[in-house]
Amino acid sequence: MVNTDYLRAVTSAGDEWQLAAVYLPSVMRSTVRRLSRLAGNVASTMTLLTDADCDAVDRWRVQLDYPPGFRCLGFAGWLSRNDTDDKAVVLSEFAGRGDDEATAAIYAALIGCPDLFVNLSCLYFDDNSTFSATPVSDFVRTLLEARGGNASSDNVTTSDVIAAALCPDQDVDSCFPAFRARRSAAAYVRVLSAYVTMHLAAYAFYRAVHAPGNDLVVSRSQSRLALGDHQYGSAILEHYVDASSASNGSRLVAVYNCYDAIYAVSNGHWECK
């Protein structure tokens, strides 16, 4: 059946990539929590995510719920396997530097944990079985705009927003040397945008939407449909005897559970056969 909850969510967000973006902080917090348990601590997790050998993290692909064909969760591994004009520029900026710090800065900005190595409480904002949708941060919104061409990656304001998110309360030049030169800053924004809004967004979409069975087209057992599947609007399709009986002129198909159906029949909206 068509999942009307999914249609509402995508319509509200703007598109599937925007929908993935609202789940990114929650999904990636879950990932860092799980990977920290597997690796031992957050510092070891960032070391793994910095390793250009994707196998260091990908060996836990089952535990981390990877989508089919997905590889290289970490930024360094993903970058090393994606040949772009910006790759050499970005890699040269990190040569001889503490890559763990750069990786931690990206993840801290993404999941909303500015003191990731010091205060781990923010990792447990939503430590439950479902993922929460949150307003898109300035950091992710700017990366989305750079990806969509709505904001030039050469724009100083764009670089300022990204730099501020990566280096909160710190001097940008010492925290992230990539932003000293306009050329390297623009290259880094483009690369980071692709990594977050395409690569990680695909991962977040799979875990938050596809894996739980909340995609556009879903299968539901009759018993789950009858009880409403514990979700608003997940049950039998609405049907009217004639157009004048419809509650509104919308072309969207409405969905009701059996209790709503009984009420509708009692009010003459359906004919029982």
C-alpha atoms as a PDB file:
ATOM      1  CA  MET A   1       0.000   0.000   0.000  1.00  0.00           C
ATOM      2  CA  VAL A   2       1.050   3.615  -0.443  1.00  0.00           C
ATOM      3  CA  ASN A   3       2.423   5.044   2.794  1.00  0.00           C
ATOM      4  CA  THR A   4       0.682   8.369   3.263  1.00  0.00           C
ATOM      5  CA  ASP A   5       2.825   9.183   6.298  1.00  0.00           C
ATOM      6  CA  TYR A   6       5.854   9.042   4.033  1.00  0.00           C
ATOM      7  CA  LEU A   7       4.183  11.339   1.491  1.00  0.00           C
ATOM      8  CA  ARG A   8       3.389  13.843   4.223  1.00  0.00           C
ATOM      9  CA  ALA A   9       6.953  13.713   5.578  1.00  0.00           C
ATOM     10  CA  VAL A  10       8.581  14.199   2.160  1.00  0.00           C
ATOM     11  CA  THR A  11       6.154  16.982   1.254  1.00  0.00           C
ATOM     12  CA  SER A  12       6.842  18.734   4.547  1.00  0.00           C
ATOM     13  CA  ALA A  13      10.634  18.376   4.231  1.00  0.00           C
ATOM     14  CA  GLY A  14      10.801  19.304   0.531  1.00  0.00           C
ATOM     15  CA  ASP A  15      12.307  16.140  -0.961  1.00  0.00           C
ATOM     16  CA  GLU A  16      13.889  12.831   0.088  1.00  0.00           C
ATOM     17  CA  TRP A  17      17.319  14.379   0.646  1.00  0.00           C
ATOM     18  CA  GLN A  18      15.825  17.022   2.897  1.00  0.00           C
ATOM     19  CA  LEU A  19      13.937  14.296   4.760  1.00  0.00           C
ATOM     20  CA  ALA A  20      17.184  12.380   5.243  1.00  0.00           C
ATOM     21  CA  ALA A  21      18.782  15.556   6.595  1.00  0.00           C
ATOM     22  CA  VAL A  22      16.291  15.881   9.453  1.00  0.00           C
ATOM     23  CA  TYR A  23      17.248  12.371  10.600  1.00  0.00           C
ATOM     24  CA  LEU A  24      21.019  12.821  10.198  1.00  0.00           C
ATOM     25  CA  PRO A  25      21.811  13.997  13.771  1.00  0.00           C
ATOM     26  CA  SER A  26      19.762  11.238  15.390  1.00  0.00           C
ATOM     27  CA  VAL A  27      21.064   8.470  13.123  1.00  0.00           C
ATOM     28  CA  MET A  28      24.695   9.551  13.420  1.00  0.00           C
ATOM     29  CA  ARG A  29      24.430   9.901  17.219  1.00  0.00           C
ATOM     30  CA  SER A  30      23.197   6.324  17.260  1.00  0.00           C
ATOM     31  CA  THR A  31      26.095   5.293  15.033  1.00  0.00           C
ATOM     32  CA  VAL A  32      28.729   6.981  17.208  1.00  0.00           C
ATOM     33  CA  ARG A  33      27.174   5.415  20.335  1.00  0.00           C
ATOM     34  CA  ARG A  34      27.186   1.953  18.798  1.00  0.00           C
ATOM     35  CA  LEU A  35      30.640   2.279  17.288  1.00  0.00           C
ATOM     36  CA  SER A  36      32.029   3.578  20.592  1.00  0.00           C
ATOM     37  CA  ARG A  37      30.751   0.455  22.332  1.00  0.00           C
ATOM     38  CA  LEU A  38      32.357  -1.724  19.660  1.00  0.00           C
ATOM     39  CA  ALA A  39      35.657   0.176  19.551  1.00  0.00           C
ATOM     40  CA  GLY A  40      35.878   0.914  23.274  1.00  0.00           C
ATOM     41  CA  ASN A  41      35.505   4.710  23.423  1.00  0.00           C
ATOM     42  CA  VAL A  42      34.895   7.852  21.369  1.00  0.00           C
ATOM     43  CA  ALA A  43      38.604   8.496  20.754  1.00  0.00           C
ATOM     44  CA  SER A  44      39.015   5.029  19.225  1.00  0.00           C
ATOM     45  CA  THR A  45      35.880   5.629  17.183  1.00  0.00           C
ATOM     46  CA  MET A  46      37.304   8.808  15.655  1.00  0.00           C
ATOM     47  CA  THR A  47      40.555   7.002  14.876  1.00  0.00           C
ATOM     48  CA  LEU A  48      38.587   4.350  13.007  1.00  0.00           C
ATOM     49  CA  LEU A  49      36.578   6.977  11.114  1.00  0.00           C
ATOM     50  CA  THR A  50      39.838   8.678  10.138  1.00  0.00           C
ATOM     51  CA  ASP A  51      41.426   5.492   8.791  1.00  0.00           C
ATOM     52  CA  ALA A  52      41.644   5.518   4.989  1.00  0.00           C
ATOM     53  CA  ASP A  53      41.179   1.741   5.136  1.00  0.00           C
ATOM     54  CA  CYS A  54      37.387   1.450   5.126  1.00  0.00           C
ATOM     55  CA  ASP A  55      37.608  -2.133   6.359  1.00  0.00           C
ATOM     56  CA  ALA A  56      38.512  -0.828   9.813  1.00  0.00           C
ATOM     57  CA  VAL A  57      34.922   0.348  10.282  1.00  0.00           C
ATOM     58  CA  ASP A  58      33.147  -1.664   7.594  1.00  0.00           C
ATOM     59  CA  ARG A  59      33.861  -4.939   9.407  1.00  0.00           C
ATOM     60  CA  TRP A  60      30.957  -3.898  11.644  1.00  0.00           C
ATOM     61  CA  ARG A  61      28.616  -3.205   8.734  1.00  0.00           C
ATOM     62  CA  VAL A  62      25.968  -5.547  10.185  1.00  0.00           C
ATOM     63  CA  GLN A  63      26.089  -3.971  13.649  1.00  0.00           C
ATOM     64  CA  LEU A  64      25.970  -0.487  12.098  1.00  0.00           C
ATOM     65  CA  ASP A  65      23.070  -1.348   9.761  1.00  0.00           C
ATOM     66  CA  TYR A  66      24.756  -0.452   6.475  1.00  0.00           C
ATOM     67  CA  PRO A  67      22.566  -0.200   3.367  1.00  0.00           C
ATOM     68  CA  PRO A  68      23.305  -2.790   0.652  1.00  0.00           C
ATOM     69  CA  GLY A  69      26.442  -1.804  -1.252  1.00  0.00           C
ATOM     70  CA  PHE A  70      27.341   0.976   1.203  1.00  0.00           C
ATOM     71  CA  ARG A  71      31.039   1.411   2.066  1.00  0.00           C
ATOM     72  CA  CYS A  72      33.321   3.790   3.926  1.00  0.00           C
ATOM     73  CA  LEU A  73      31.368   5.385   6.736  1.00  0.00           C
ATOM     74  CA  GLY A  74      34.344   7.505   7.783  1.00  0.00           C
ATOM     75  CA  PHE A  75      35.255  10.732   6.010  1.00  0.00           C
ATOM     76  CA  ALA A  76      38.890   9.820   5.247  1.00  0.00           C
ATOM     77  CA  GLY A  77      38.011   6.419   3.789  1.00  0.00           C
ATOM     78  CA  TRP A  78      35.200   7.865   1.701  1.00  0.00           C
ATOM     79  CA  LEU A  79      37.432  10.677   0.394  1.00  0.00           C
ATOM     80  CA  SER A  80      40.292   8.346  -0.498  1.00  0.00           C
ATOM     81  CA  ARG A  81      37.954   6.348  -2.733  1.00  0.00           C
ATOM     82  CA  ASN A  82      36.284   9.265  -4.470  1.00  0.00           C
ATOM     83  CA  ASP A  83      38.364  10.914  -7.138  1.00  0.00           C
ATOM     84  CA  THR A  84      37.380  14.546  -7.582  1.00  0.00           C
ATOM     85  CA  ASP A  85      39.234  17.712  -8.493  1.00  0.00           C
ATOM     86  CA  ASP A  86      38.975  18.801  -4.871  1.00  0.00           C
ATOM     87  CA  LYS A  87      40.435  15.622  -3.378  1.00  0.00           C
ATOM     88  CA  ALA A  88      44.111  16.602  -3.679  1.00  0.00           C
ATOM     89  CA  VAL A  89      43.436  20.063  -2.239  1.00  0.00           C
ATOM     90  CA  VAL A  90      41.650  18.684   0.816  1.00  0.00           C
ATOM     91  CA  LEU A  91      44.161  15.879   1.441  1.00  0.00           C
ATOM     92  CA  SER A  92      47.076  18.305   1.263  1.00  0.00           C
ATOM     93  CA  GLU A  93      45.505  20.414   4.007  1.00  0.00           C
ATOM     94  CA  PHE A  94      45.464  17.437   6.377  1.00  0.00           C
ATOM     95  CA  ALA A  95      48.983  16.190   5.640  1.00  0.00           C
ATOM     96  CA  GLY A  96      50.848  15.858   8.932  1.00  0.00           C
ATOM     97  CA  ARG A  97      47.910  17.112  10.998  1.00  0.00           C
ATOM     98  CA  GLY A  98      45.777  15.457  13.646  1.00  0.00           C
ATOM     99  CA  ASP A  99      43.163  13.916  11.392  1.00  0.00           C
ATOM    100  CA  ASP A 100      41.263  12.575  14.413  1.00  0.00           C
ATOM    101  CA  GLU A 101      40.527  16.157  15.465  1.00  0.00           C
ATOM    102  CA  ALA A 102      39.265  17.087  12.001  1.00  0.00           C
ATOM    103  CA  THR A 103      37.015  14.023  11.875  1.00  0.00           C
ATOM    104  CA  ALA A 104      35.741  14.695  15.383  1.00  0.00           C
ATOM    105  CA  ALA A 105      34.960  18.292  14.396  1.00  0.00           C
ATOM    106  CA  ILE A 106      32.829  17.085  11.466  1.00  0.00           C
ATOM    107  CA  TYR A 107      30.898  14.603  13.584  1.00  0.00           C
ATOM    108  CA  ALA A 108      30.517  17.019  16.492  1.00  0.00           C
ATOM    109  CA  ALA A 109      28.979  19.622  14.174  1.00  0.00           C
ATOM    110  CA  LEU A 110      26.766  17.031  12.534  1.00  0.00           C
ATOM    111  CA  ILE A 111      25.316  15.438  15.671  1.00  0.00           C
ATOM    112  CA  GLY A 112      25.256  18.562  17.822  1.00  0.00           C
ATOM    113  CA  CYS A 113      27.975  17.593  20.322  1.00  0.00           C
ATOM    114  CA  PRO A 114      30.517  20.448  20.435  1.00  0.00           C
ATOM    115  CA  ASP A 115      32.443  18.821  23.346  1.00  0.00           C
ATOM    116  CA  LEU A 116      32.438  15.319  21.935  1.00  0.00           C
ATOM    117  CA  PHE A 117      35.615  14.164  23.702  1.00  0.00           C
ATOM    118  CA  VAL A 118      34.669  15.761  27.024  1.00  0.00           C
ATOM    119  CA  ASN A 119      30.899  15.600  27.482  1.00  0.00           C
ATOM    120  CA  LEU A 120      29.241  12.452  26.133  1.00  0.00           C
ATOM    121  CA  SER A 121      25.768  13.209  27.501  1.00  0.00           C
ATOM    122  CA  CYS A 122      24.700  14.766  24.185  1.00  0.00           C
ATOM    123  CA  LEU A 123      25.119  11.354  22.553  1.00  0.00           C
ATOM    124  CA  TYR A 124      22.134  10.147  24.548  1.00  0.00           C
ATOM    125  CA  PHE A 125      19.576  12.815  23.664  1.00  0.00           C
ATOM    126  CA  ASP A 126      17.516  10.208  21.830  1.00  0.00           C
ATOM    127  CA  ASP A 127      18.880   6.842  22.907  1.00  0.00           C
ATOM    128  CA  ASN A 128      15.803   4.838  22.006  1.00  0.00           C
ATOM    129  CA  SER A 129      14.546   2.406  19.393  1.00  0.00           C
ATOM    130  CA  THR A 130      13.380   5.054  16.912  1.00  0.00           C
ATOM    131  CA  PHE A 131      15.068   8.018  15.277  1.00  0.00           C
ATOM    132  CA  SER A 132      13.914  11.544  15.949  1.00  0.00           C
ATOM    133  CA  ALA A 133      13.385  14.180  13.273  1.00  0.00           C
ATOM    134  CA  THR A 134      15.029  17.467  14.177  1.00  0.00           C
ATOM    135  CA  PRO A 135      15.161  20.917  12.561  1.00  0.00           C
ATOM    136  CA  VAL A 136      18.015  21.126  10.073  1.00  0.00           C
ATOM    137  CA  SER A 137      21.008  22.965  11.574  1.00  0.00           C
ATOM    138  CA  ASP A 138      22.733  25.892   9.878  1.00  0.00           C
ATOM    139  CA  PHE A 139      25.682  23.576   9.260  1.00  0.00           C
ATOM    140  CA  VAL A 140      23.653  20.949   7.350  1.00  0.00           C
ATOM    141  CA  ARG A 141      21.423  23.541   5.667  1.00  0.00           C
ATOM    142  CA  THR A 142      24.480  25.327   4.267  1.00  0.00           C
ATOM    143  CA  LEU A 143      25.891  22.038   2.979  1.00  0.00           C
ATOM    144  CA  LEU A 144      22.540  21.243   1.347  1.00  0.00           C
ATOM    145  CA  GLU A 145      22.490  24.650  -0.319  1.00  0.00           C
ATOM    146  CA  ALA A 146      26.059  24.181  -1.563  1.00  0.00           C
ATOM    147  CA  ARG A 147      25.108  20.787  -2.978  1.00  0.00           C
ATOM    148  CA  GLY A 148      22.006  22.122  -4.668  1.00  0.00           C
ATOM    149  CA  GLY A 149      23.786  25.112  -6.163  1.00  0.00           C
ATOM    150  CA  ASN A 150      21.649  27.562  -4.177  1.00  0.00           C
ATOM    151  CA  ALA A 151      24.772  28.851  -2.434  1.00  0.00           C
ATOM    152  CA  SER A 152      28.169  29.000  -4.051  1.00  0.00           C
ATOM    153  CA  SER A 153      30.884  27.082  -2.228  1.00  0.00           C
ATOM    154  CA  ASP A 154      33.135  30.045  -3.044  1.00  0.00           C
ATOM    155  CA  ASN A 155      30.861  32.335  -1.087  1.00  0.00           C
ATOM    156  CA  VAL A 156      32.571  33.763   1.992  1.00  0.00           C
ATOM    157  CA  THR A 157      29.391  33.500   4.068  1.00  0.00           C
ATOM    158  CA  THR A 158      29.087  29.805   3.227  1.00  0.00           C
ATOM    159  CA  SER A 159      32.656  29.149   4.367  1.00  0.00           C
ATOM    160  CA  ASP A 160      32.078  31.211   7.517  1.00  0.00           C
ATOM    161  CA  VAL A 161      29.048  29.127   8.538  1.00  0.00           C
ATOM    162  CA  ILE A 162      30.912  25.854   8.010  1.00  0.00           C
ATOM    163  CA  ALA A 163      34.029  27.120   9.785  1.00  0.00           C
ATOM    164  CA  ALA A 164      31.986  28.360  12.758  1.00  0.00           C
ATOM    165  CA  ALA A 165      30.317  24.950  13.091  1.00  0.00           C
ATOM    166  CA  LEU A 166      33.623  23.065  12.869  1.00  0.00           C
ATOM    167  CA  CYS A 167      35.499  25.421  15.198  1.00  0.00           C
ATOM    168  CA  PRO A 168      33.089  26.666  17.882  1.00  0.00           C
ATOM    169  CA  ASP A 169      34.791  29.087  20.260  1.00  0.00           C
ATOM    170  CA  GLN A 170      38.143  28.536  18.553  1.00  0.00           C
ATOM    171  CA  ASP A 171      40.376  30.393  16.149  1.00  0.00           C
ATOM    172  CA  VAL A 172      39.541  29.054  12.694  1.00  0.00           C
ATOM    173  CA  ASP A 173      43.103  29.427  11.368  1.00  0.00           C
ATOM    174  CA  SER A 174      44.526  27.141  14.041  1.00  0.00           C
ATOM    175  CA  CYS A 175      41.517  24.836  14.223  1.00  0.00           C
ATOM    176  CA  PHE A 176      40.976  24.299  10.496  1.00  0.00           C
ATOM    177  CA  PRO A 177      43.806  25.586   8.277  1.00  0.00           C
ATOM    178  CA  ALA A 178      41.787  24.603   5.193  1.00  0.00           C
ATOM    179  CA  PHE A 179      39.820  27.825   5.597  1.00  0.00           C
ATOM    180  CA  ARG A 180      42.834  30.132   5.437  1.00  0.00           C
ATOM    181  CA  ALA A 181      42.793  30.224   1.643  1.00  0.00           C
ATOM    182  CA  ARG A 182      39.638  30.820  -0.340  1.00  0.00           C
ATOM    183  CA  ARG A 183      40.478  28.078  -2.854  1.00  0.00           C
ATOM    184  CA  SER A 184      40.991  25.379  -0.229  1.00  0.00           C
ATOM    185  CA  ALA A 185      37.949  26.559   1.745  1.00  0.00           C
ATOM    186  CA  ALA A 186      35.733  26.266  -1.344  1.00  0.00           C
ATOM    187  CA  ALA A 187      37.125  22.820  -2.141  1.00  0.00           C
ATOM    188  CA  TYR A 188      36.542  21.656   1.417  1.00  0.00           C
ATOM    189  CA  VAL A 189      32.935  22.891   1.428  1.00  0.00           C
ATOM    190  CA  ARG A 190      32.202  21.029  -1.814  1.00  0.00           C
ATOM    191  CA  VAL A 191      33.774  17.804  -0.553  1.00  0.00           C
ATOM    192  CA  LEU A 192      32.102  18.046   2.843  1.00  0.00           C
ATOM    193  CA  SER A 193      28.757  18.772   1.209  1.00  0.00           C
ATOM    194  CA  ALA A 194      28.975  15.620  -0.918  1.00  0.00           C
ATOM    195  CA  TYR A 195      30.018  13.524   2.078  1.00  0.00           C
ATOM    196  CA  VAL A 196      27.276  14.730   4.428  1.00  0.00           C
ATOM    197  CA  THR A 197      24.306  15.456   2.162  1.00  0.00           C
ATOM    198  CA  MET A 198      24.759  12.520  -0.213  1.00  0.00           C
ATOM    199  CA  HIS A 199      26.837   9.758   1.356  1.00  0.00           C
ATOM    200  CA  LEU A 200      25.790  10.036   5.009  1.00  0.00           C
ATOM    201  CA  ALA A 201      22.288  11.146   4.014  1.00  0.00           C
ATOM    202  CA  ALA A 202      21.827   7.883   2.078  1.00  0.00           C
ATOM    203  CA  TYR A 203      22.920   5.994   5.195  1.00  0.00           C
ATOM    204  CA  ALA A 204      20.555   7.999   7.420  1.00  0.00           C
ATOM    205  CA  PHE A 205      17.635   7.537   5.024  1.00  0.00           C
ATOM    206  CA  TYR A 206      18.155   3.775   4.967  1.00  0.00           C
ATOM    207  CA  ARG A 207      18.272   3.445   8.750  1.00  0.00           C
ATOM    208  CA  ALA A 208      15.508   5.917   9.614  1.00  0.00           C
ATOM    209  CA  VAL A 209      13.066   5.369   6.742  1.00  0.00           C
ATOM    210  CA  HIS A 210      13.742   2.284   4.639  1.00  0.00           C
ATOM    211  CA  ALA A 211      14.885  -0.298   7.214  1.00  0.00           C
ATOM    212  CA  PRO A 212      11.910   0.293   9.575  1.00  0.00           C
ATOM    213  CA  GLY A 213       9.539  -0.164   6.622  1.00  0.00           C
ATOM    214  CA  ASN A 214       8.396   3.444   6.326  1.00  0.00           C
ATOM    215  CA  ASP A 215       9.176   3.931   2.621  1.00  0.00           C
ATOM    216  CA  LEU A 216       6.754   5.115  -0.057  1.00  0.00           C
ATOM    217  CA  VAL A 217       5.302   1.649  -0.674  1.00  0.00           C
ATOM    218  CA  VAL A 218       4.907  -0.606   2.363  1.00  0.00           C
ATOM    219  CA  SER A 219       3.467  -3.993   3.194  1.00  0.00           C
ATOM    220  CA  ARG A 220       1.242  -4.413   6.227  1.00  0.00           C
ATOM    221  CA  SER A 221      -0.471  -7.498   7.601  1.00  0.00           C
ATOM    222  CA  GLN A 222      -4.248  -7.376   7.983  1.00  0.00           C
ATOM    223  CA  SER A 223      -3.970  -7.453  11.759  1.00  0.00           C
ATOM    224  CA  ARG A 224      -1.573  -4.495  11.767  1.00  0.00           C
ATOM    225  CA  LEU A 225      -3.834  -2.586   9.401  1.00  0.00           C
ATOM    226  CA  ALA A 226      -6.900  -3.258  11.512  1.00  0.00           C
ATOM    227  CA  LEU A 227      -5.252  -1.869  14.624  1.00  0.00           C
ATOM    228  CA  GLY A 228      -3.749   1.102  12.841  1.00  0.00           C
ATOM    229  CA  ASP A 229      -0.166  -0.193  13.028  1.00  0.00           C
ATOM    230  CA  HIS A 230       0.412   2.152  16.001  1.00  0.00           C
ATOM    231  CA  GLN A 231       0.897   5.008  13.540  1.00  0.00           C
ATOM    232  CA  TYR A 232      -1.344   7.773  12.417  1.00  0.00           C
ATOM    233  CA  GLY A 233      -2.799   7.087   8.994  1.00  0.00           C
ATOM    234  CA  SER A 234      -1.580   3.517   8.531  1.00  0.00           C
ATOM    235  CA  ALA A 235      -4.462   1.239   7.760  1.00  0.00           C
ATOM    236  CA  ILE A 236      -7.148   0.685   5.088  1.00  0.00           C
ATOM    237  CA  LEU A 237      -7.593   3.046   2.160  1.00  0.00           C
ATOM    238  CA  GLU A 238     -10.444   5.527   2.275  1.00  0.00           C
ATOM    239  CA  HIS A 239     -13.240   4.994  -0.225  1.00  0.00           C
ATOM    240  CA  TYR A 240     -16.366   7.041  -0.868  1.00  0.00           C
ATOM    241  CA  VAL A 241     -19.527   6.032  -2.654  1.00  0.00           C
ATOM    242  CA  ASP A 242     -19.520   9.269  -4.602  1.00  0.00           C
ATOM    243  CA  ALA A 243     -17.393  12.382  -4.835  1.00  0.00           C
ATOM    244  CA  SER A 244     -19.855  14.521  -2.923  1.00  0.00           C
ATOM    245  CA  SER A 245     -19.406  12.282   0.127  1.00  0.00           C
ATOM    246  CA  ALA A 246     -15.683  12.941   0.295  1.00  0.00           C
ATOM    247  CA  SER A 247     -14.454  14.996   3.229  1.00  0.00           C
ATOM    248  CA  ASN A 248     -12.428  17.298   0.971  1.00  0.00           C
ATOM    249  CA  GLY A 249     -11.338  17.748  -2.608  1.00  0.00           C
ATOM    250  CA  SER A 250      -7.794  16.493  -2.097  1.00  0.00           C
ATOM    251  CA  ARG A 251      -6.483  13.908  -4.523  1.00  0.00           C
ATOM    252  CA  LEU A 252      -4.369  12.306  -1.823  1.00  0.00           C
ATOM    253  CA  VAL A 253      -5.690   8.978  -0.630  1.00  0.00           C
ATOM    254  CA  ALA A 254      -6.549   9.055   3.049  1.00  0.00           C
ATOM    255  CA  VAL A 255      -5.981   6.072   5.318  1.00  0.00           C
ATOM    256  CA  TYR A 256      -8.029   4.904   8.296  1.00  0.00           C
ATOM    257  CA  ASN A 257      -7.902   2.059  10.777  1.00  0.00           C
ATOM    258  CA  CYS A 258     -10.879  -0.203  11.466  1.00  0.00           C
ATOM    259  CA  TYR A 259     -12.253   1.994  14.265  1.00  0.00           C
ATOM    260  CA  ASP A 260     -12.367   4.967  11.915  1.00  0.00           C
ATOM    261  CA  ALA A 261     -13.972   2.731   9.306  1.00  0.00           C
ATOM    262  CA  ILE A 262     -16.773   1.704  11.677  1.00  0.00           C
ATOM    263  CA  TYR A 263     -17.401   5.357  12.448  1.00  0.00           C
ATOM    264  CA  ALA A 264     -17.422   6.233   8.756  1.00  0.00           C
ATOM    265  CA  VAL A 265     -19.888   3.445   7.929  1.00  0.00           C
ATOM    266  CA  SER A 266     -22.173   4.525  10.736  1.00  0.00           C
ATOM    267  CA  ASN A 267     -22.230   8.015   9.224  1.00  0.00           C
ATOM    268  CA  GLY A 268     -23.058   6.806   5.731  1.00  0.00           C
ATOM    269  CA  HIS A 269     -19.668   7.414   4.139  1.00  0.00           C
ATOM    270  CA  TRP A 270     -19.326   3.750   3.136  1.00  0.00           C
ATOM    271  CA  GLU A 271     -21.630   1.075   1.919  1.00  0.00           C
ATOM    272  CA  CYS A 272     -21.058  -2.295   3.580  1.00  0.00           C
ATOM    273  CA  LYS A 273     -21.167  -5.325   1.297  1.00  0.00           C
END
